Protein backbone atom coordinates (compact mmCIF):
# COMPACT_ATOMS: atom_id res chain seq x y z
CA MET A 1 73.79 216.17 150.45
CA TYR A 2 70.80 213.49 151.24
CA MET A 3 69.32 213.88 147.34
CA LYS A 4 73.26 212.80 146.05
CA ASN A 5 73.60 209.93 148.31
CA ILE A 6 70.18 208.58 147.12
CA LEU A 7 70.97 209.03 143.52
CA LYS A 8 74.33 207.12 144.33
CA LYS A 9 72.81 204.31 145.43
CA GLU A 10 70.22 204.06 143.04
CA ILE A 11 73.33 204.42 140.64
CA ASN A 12 74.99 201.58 142.02
CA PHE A 13 71.76 199.11 142.47
CA ASN A 14 71.25 199.70 138.83
CA PHE A 15 74.81 198.97 137.37
CA ILE A 16 74.63 195.96 139.94
CA ILE A 17 71.69 194.61 138.44
CA ILE A 18 72.98 195.09 134.27
CA LEU A 19 76.25 193.18 135.82
CA PHE A 20 74.24 190.48 136.45
CA ILE A 21 71.87 190.57 133.70
CA VAL A 22 75.37 190.51 131.41
CA SER A 23 76.71 187.67 133.63
CA ALA A 24 73.80 185.14 133.10
CA THR A 25 73.45 185.95 129.27
CA SER A 26 76.90 185.07 129.19
CA LEU A 27 76.50 181.66 130.84
CA MET A 28 73.54 181.01 129.01
CA VAL A 29 75.32 181.59 125.77
CA MET A 30 78.64 179.34 127.12
CA PHE A 31 75.69 176.42 128.27
CA TYR A 32 73.97 176.59 124.80
CA ALA A 33 77.71 176.92 122.64
CA ASP A 34 78.62 173.76 124.74
CA LEU A 35 75.39 171.75 124.25
CA LEU A 36 75.63 172.59 120.81
CA SER A 37 79.08 170.92 120.78
CA TYR A 38 78.23 167.23 121.17
CA LYS A 39 76.94 165.35 118.55
CA GLN A 40 74.33 162.43 118.56
CA VAL A 41 75.97 159.48 117.19
CA TYR A 42 74.23 156.00 116.64
CA LEU A 43 76.74 152.97 117.05
CA MET A 44 76.11 149.15 116.00
CA ASP A 45 78.37 146.81 117.68
CA GLY A 46 77.53 143.87 116.05
CA ASN A 47 73.91 143.40 117.35
CA ILE A 48 74.19 145.57 119.88
CA GLU A 49 72.30 148.65 119.20
CA SER A 50 73.19 152.58 121.08
CA PHE A 51 73.23 155.91 121.07
CA TYR A 52 75.54 157.85 122.23
CA LYS A 53 76.40 162.47 122.33
CA THR A 54 79.77 162.91 122.00
CA LYS A 55 82.46 165.99 121.61
CA ALA A 56 85.28 163.49 119.96
CA LYS A 57 86.51 164.73 116.81
CA THR A 58 86.76 161.10 115.09
CA VAL A 59 85.64 157.85 115.14
CA GLY A 60 88.35 156.84 116.78
CA GLU A 61 88.48 159.14 119.62
CA PHE A 62 84.81 158.44 120.49
CA LEU A 63 85.47 154.59 120.18
CA ILE A 64 88.18 154.78 122.83
CA SER A 65 85.90 157.29 124.57
CA ILE A 66 83.34 155.05 125.19
CA ASN A 67 85.79 152.15 125.55
CA VAL A 68 85.00 149.77 122.71
CA PRO A 69 88.37 148.64 121.08
CA VAL A 70 87.90 147.55 117.60
CA ARG A 71 90.65 144.63 116.51
CA ASP A 72 92.44 144.70 112.85
CA VAL A 73 90.16 141.58 111.62
CA ASP A 74 87.09 143.35 112.72
CA LYS A 75 85.13 145.00 109.72
CA MET A 76 83.57 148.77 110.31
CA ASN A 77 82.02 150.93 107.70
CA LEU A 78 84.20 153.79 108.39
CA ASP A 79 87.91 154.71 109.17
CA LYS A 80 89.17 155.75 112.66
CA THR A 81 90.28 158.73 111.11
CA SER A 82 87.15 159.88 109.64
CA GLU A 83 84.94 163.26 111.29
CA ILE A 84 82.14 162.94 113.83
CA GLN A 85 79.10 164.13 112.33
CA LYS A 86 75.84 164.68 113.39
CA ASP A 87 73.44 161.71 113.38
CA MET A 88 76.73 159.84 112.43
CA SER A 89 75.80 155.87 111.94
CA ILE A 90 78.99 153.65 112.98
CA LYS A 91 78.69 150.19 112.18
CA ILE A 92 81.03 147.57 113.49
CA GLU A 93 81.24 143.74 112.40
CA ARG A 94 83.08 141.40 114.61
CA ALA A 95 85.21 138.75 113.05
CA PHE A 96 84.93 135.64 114.81
CA PRO A 97 87.16 132.29 114.62
CA ILE A 98 87.30 129.50 111.93
CA LYS A 99 89.50 126.73 111.01
CA LEU A 100 91.30 126.34 107.81
CA CYS A 101 93.06 123.24 107.30
CA TYR A 102 95.24 123.09 104.34
CA ASN A 103 98.68 121.95 103.34
CA ASN A 104 98.44 119.52 106.19
CA GLU A 105 98.55 122.64 108.44
CA ILE A 106 95.19 123.57 110.70
CA ARG A 107 95.05 127.60 110.67
CA LYS A 108 93.39 129.36 113.24
CA VAL A 109 92.13 132.49 111.39
CA PHE A 110 89.48 135.09 112.16
CA ALA A 111 86.91 136.62 109.28
CA THR A 112 83.67 138.23 108.94
CA GLN A 113 80.72 136.79 106.89
CA ILE A 114 82.44 137.26 104.14
CA PRO A 115 82.44 134.56 101.31
CA VAL A 116 84.83 131.32 102.00
CA SER A 117 86.56 132.56 98.52
CA ALA A 118 87.71 135.87 100.52
CA VAL A 119 89.11 133.98 103.40
CA LEU A 120 91.15 131.85 100.94
CA ALA A 121 92.30 134.89 99.05
CA THR A 122 93.20 136.17 102.02
CA ASN A 123 95.19 133.20 103.19
CA ASN A 124 97.14 133.07 99.17
CA ILE A 125 95.07 130.20 98.38
CA VAL A 126 94.08 129.64 95.02
CA LEU A 127 91.91 126.53 94.27
CA SER A 128 92.91 124.58 90.59
CA LYS A 129 90.25 122.16 88.78
CA GLU A 130 91.83 119.35 90.48
CA ASP A 131 91.61 120.68 94.40
CA TYR A 132 89.05 119.63 96.95
CA ILE A 133 87.08 121.67 99.47
CA ASN A 134 84.58 120.81 101.50
CA VAL A 135 82.22 123.81 101.21
CA LYS A 136 81.30 126.19 98.43
CA THR A 137 83.41 129.00 97.83
CA GLU A 138 80.41 131.20 97.18
CA GLU A 139 79.36 130.56 100.51
CA SER A 140 79.21 133.00 103.58
CA VAL A 141 81.54 131.76 106.40
CA LYS A 142 80.25 131.32 110.07
CA PRO A 143 81.60 130.93 113.50
CA ASN A 144 83.71 127.98 114.04
CA MET A 145 83.57 126.58 110.45
CA ILE A 146 85.97 124.25 109.25
CA ILE A 147 87.35 124.72 105.74
CA GLU A 148 89.31 122.11 104.32
CA VAL A 149 91.32 122.02 101.27
CA LYS A 150 93.11 119.53 99.89
CA ASP A 151 95.68 120.58 97.23
CA TYR A 152 96.25 117.92 94.35
CA ASN A 153 98.79 118.18 91.72
CA THR A 154 99.77 115.96 88.73
CA GLU A 155 102.93 115.36 87.15
CA ILE A 156 103.62 112.93 84.47
CA ILE A 157 107.41 111.14 85.09
CA GLU A 158 109.36 108.97 83.40
CA LYS A 159 111.09 105.96 84.63
CA LYS A 160 113.71 104.01 83.05
CA ILE A 161 112.92 99.97 84.35
CA VAL A 162 115.14 96.80 83.78
CA ILE A 163 113.69 93.92 82.12
CA PRO A 164 114.97 90.85 83.17
CA TYR A 165 116.43 88.05 80.64
CA THR A 166 114.66 84.91 80.67
CA GLU A 167 116.51 81.41 80.90
CA LYS A 168 115.88 78.70 78.38
CA ILE A 169 116.91 74.98 78.96
CA ILE A 170 117.94 72.51 76.41
CA TYR A 171 118.08 69.03 77.68
CA ALA A 172 120.94 66.88 76.60
CA LYS A 173 120.56 62.59 76.72
CA ASP A 174 124.33 62.39 76.84
CA LEU A 175 125.13 64.23 79.83
CA ASP A 176 124.88 63.50 82.67
CA SER A 177 121.89 64.85 85.11
CA SER A 178 124.92 66.88 87.24
CA VAL A 179 126.23 68.64 84.17
CA LYS A 180 124.67 72.12 83.50
CA THR A 181 126.63 74.46 80.87
CA VAL A 182 126.04 78.03 79.81
CA VAL A 183 125.45 77.93 75.74
CA LYS A 184 124.85 81.81 75.76
CA GLU A 185 124.84 84.52 78.52
CA GLY A 186 121.53 85.98 79.24
CA ILE A 187 121.71 90.38 78.77
CA ASN A 188 118.87 92.29 80.63
CA GLY A 189 116.93 94.74 78.30
CA GLU A 190 115.29 98.17 78.83
CA LYS A 191 112.41 100.05 78.92
CA ILE A 192 110.74 103.49 79.27
CA VAL A 193 107.70 103.47 81.62
CA LYS A 194 105.60 106.46 81.52
CA SER A 195 103.69 107.51 84.66
CA LYS A 196 101.26 109.46 85.71
CA VAL A 197 101.50 110.26 89.83
CA THR A 198 99.02 112.50 91.58
CA TYR A 199 99.90 114.03 94.83
CA MET A 200 97.63 115.20 97.57
CA ASN A 201 99.38 118.25 99.94
CA GLY A 202 102.63 117.05 98.54
CA VAL A 203 102.18 113.12 99.34
CA GLU A 204 101.82 110.94 96.67
CA VAL A 205 98.10 109.37 96.66
CA LYS A 206 98.08 107.80 93.00
CA ARG A 207 100.36 106.12 90.55
CA GLU A 208 99.39 105.18 86.98
CA ASN A 209 101.17 104.01 83.99
CA ILE A 210 99.98 105.62 80.95
CA GLY A 211 102.57 104.11 78.44
CA GLU A 212 105.71 102.31 77.96
CA LYS A 213 108.45 101.80 75.30
CA ILE A 214 111.07 98.90 75.25
CA THR A 215 114.12 100.70 74.33
CA LYS A 216 116.77 97.59 74.51
CA LYS A 217 115.12 94.04 74.00
CA PRO A 218 116.44 91.43 76.36
CA GLN A 219 118.29 88.23 75.20
CA GLU A 220 117.62 85.17 76.67
CA LYS A 221 120.26 83.01 78.43
CA ILE A 222 120.75 79.44 77.20
CA ILE A 223 121.60 76.59 79.38
CA LYS A 224 122.26 72.82 78.41
CA LYS A 225 121.66 70.51 81.15
CA GLY A 226 121.99 66.90 81.24
CA THR A 227 119.42 64.19 81.94
CA ALA A 228 121.74 61.17 81.91
CA ASN A 229 122.70 59.54 85.27
CA ILE A 230 126.61 59.18 84.37
CA TYR A 231 129.18 57.57 86.70
CA LYS A 232 132.70 58.54 85.97
CA ALA A 233 135.38 55.67 87.19
CA VAL A 234 138.70 56.45 88.99
CA SER A 235 139.89 55.35 84.96
CA GLY A 236 138.35 57.88 83.58
CA LYS A 237 135.87 55.75 81.75
CA ALA A 238 132.00 56.80 81.80
CA TYR A 239 129.18 54.83 82.78
CA SER A 240 125.64 55.55 82.13
CA TYR A 241 123.24 53.87 84.97
CA LYS A 242 119.66 53.80 85.85
CA LYS A 243 119.96 53.76 89.31
CA MET A 244 122.31 53.43 92.25
CA ILE A 245 121.84 51.37 95.48
CA SER A 246 124.29 51.95 98.70
CA MET A 247 124.79 47.95 99.31
CA THR A 248 126.70 46.28 102.24
CA ALA A 249 129.39 44.14 100.46
CA THR A 250 131.37 41.06 101.16
CA ALA A 251 133.88 38.85 98.93
CA TYR A 252 134.33 35.43 98.56
CA THR A 253 136.88 33.22 96.63
CA LEU A 254 136.74 29.22 95.16
CA SER A 255 138.68 27.91 97.76
CA GLU A 256 135.70 29.14 100.26
CA LEU A 257 133.57 26.68 98.59
CA LYS A 258 134.06 23.55 99.66
CA GLY A 259 132.66 20.83 97.32
CA SER A 260 131.64 23.64 94.83
CA THR A 261 131.75 22.93 90.88
CA GLY A 262 133.12 26.15 90.16
CA ARG A 263 129.91 27.19 88.46
CA THR A 264 127.34 29.75 89.70
CA CYS A 265 123.45 29.00 89.76
CA LEU A 266 123.44 30.62 86.10
CA GLY A 267 125.93 27.84 84.83
CA LEU A 268 128.73 30.26 84.48
CA LYS A 269 132.11 29.74 85.67
CA VAL A 270 133.06 31.78 88.63
CA ARG A 271 135.31 34.10 87.65
CA GLU A 272 136.27 38.04 88.90
CA GLY A 273 132.84 40.04 87.73
CA ILE A 274 130.55 37.65 88.79
CA VAL A 275 128.66 38.77 92.19
CA ALA A 276 126.12 37.10 93.96
CA VAL A 277 123.21 39.20 94.82
CA ASP A 278 119.31 39.26 95.94
CA PRO A 279 117.70 38.78 92.91
CA LYS A 280 114.77 40.51 94.49
CA VAL A 281 116.80 43.86 94.90
CA ILE A 282 119.07 43.51 91.45
CA PRO A 283 117.95 41.02 88.58
CA LEU A 284 120.08 38.23 87.55
CA ARG A 285 122.61 39.13 84.58
CA THR A 286 121.87 42.63 85.50
CA LYS A 287 125.41 44.64 84.68
CA LEU A 288 126.64 46.79 87.46
CA TYR A 289 129.46 48.60 88.28
CA VAL A 290 130.55 48.22 92.00
CA GLU A 291 132.40 51.13 93.57
CA GLY A 292 136.10 49.80 94.82
CA TYR A 293 135.56 46.78 92.42
CA GLY A 294 134.73 47.53 89.14
CA GLU A 295 132.24 46.20 86.78
CA ALA A 296 130.71 43.59 87.12
CA MET A 297 127.46 41.41 86.50
CA ALA A 298 124.62 40.00 88.80
CA GLY A 299 125.83 36.16 87.87
CA ASP A 300 124.99 34.17 91.17
CA THR A 301 122.59 34.10 94.52
CA GLY A 302 123.80 33.18 98.20
CA GLY A 303 121.85 32.25 101.18
CA ALA A 304 123.14 34.73 102.98
CA ILE A 305 122.79 37.47 100.31
CA LYS A 306 119.67 39.07 101.40
CA GLY A 307 118.29 42.77 100.91
CA ASN A 308 121.06 45.33 99.91
CA LYS A 309 124.03 42.90 100.29
CA ILE A 310 126.09 42.04 97.72
CA ASP A 311 128.76 39.26 97.51
CA LEU A 312 131.98 39.93 95.36
CA TYR A 313 134.11 37.11 93.61
CA MET A 314 138.02 37.54 93.97
CA ASP A 315 140.84 35.15 92.84
CA THR A 316 142.69 35.27 96.50
CA LEU A 317 141.85 34.75 99.46
CA GLY A 318 144.43 37.37 100.93
CA GLU A 319 142.36 39.82 98.49
CA VAL A 320 139.01 38.46 100.56
CA ASN A 321 140.57 38.86 103.60
CA ASN A 322 141.71 42.39 102.64
CA TYR A 323 138.31 43.80 101.48
CA GLY A 324 136.61 42.61 104.67
CA ARG A 325 133.09 43.86 105.32
CA ARG A 326 132.10 47.02 104.10
CA LYS A 327 129.14 48.89 104.37
CA ASN A 328 127.38 51.99 101.92
CA VAL A 329 129.29 50.28 98.78
CA LYS A 330 127.92 52.26 95.87
CA VAL A 331 126.33 49.89 93.21
CA TYR A 332 125.32 51.25 89.92
CA ILE A 333 122.77 49.21 87.44
CA LEU A 334 124.08 49.89 84.25
CA LYS A 335 121.92 51.10 81.25
């Protein structure tokens, strides 16, 4: 009985040892299995270099696990769906802001270190030979770079232009200077002007004529203009005169001239049409036409007739009294 108990205890102890060994082995296997499930990953984020061990299955899961966001504008050497491999290298190139000035608009865009030409292509900008750009298209973009593009284009346009007619004046000595008559009406002409117009960002900056063609010649307007001084009396008779003087006029008659011989200083018999003047203003024997009086001749002088004064002979005292003294009478010196 005693031996049975000893044997039973020995069997239980051995079982415990075996169970312990099996459990320890299982734990070791599980530990190493878990350890083997980690993969080493090399990450180059811009200029920052890091090493990680991860159980993530894809690149996207790995970046989420380490809290490293990647924007759509950033550039990465692998897709986010790529499976994680042992000793995998993941490189992230961070996009930076640049200014793109185009078509009178300033845009803030993001780019990595790619050529300027690639930035233009991404933004649907196609350069022509006439366009202006402030940097070389093969140059790599840099942070805060300003890319200025001026969109130049040209077009040829044709425009109808009016050619104004000219005037030709024919001077006529037999017409009064106030007379101006149209002999022939003028007609405007036309021409087609061809121009090259240059636009910058849709705004006209230059226009140059490259040719023109006259399609309709203008016809000049002909005008006849008088050069003579002509006075037309109420009777309708025209008088050609050299000069007009505005004078103060009075009247006289023979009955007023006591002791007079009835002759003027020139020896002429006084009569209607003979007038007294100041010879310094109107020379004697000058033919005149006095407004409101008629044709006359400067045939006499008078002590009171000085300067722009004229004394008109009339046949009766009644006519003299009726005429009185008048200012601003127009006296025409006839040719």
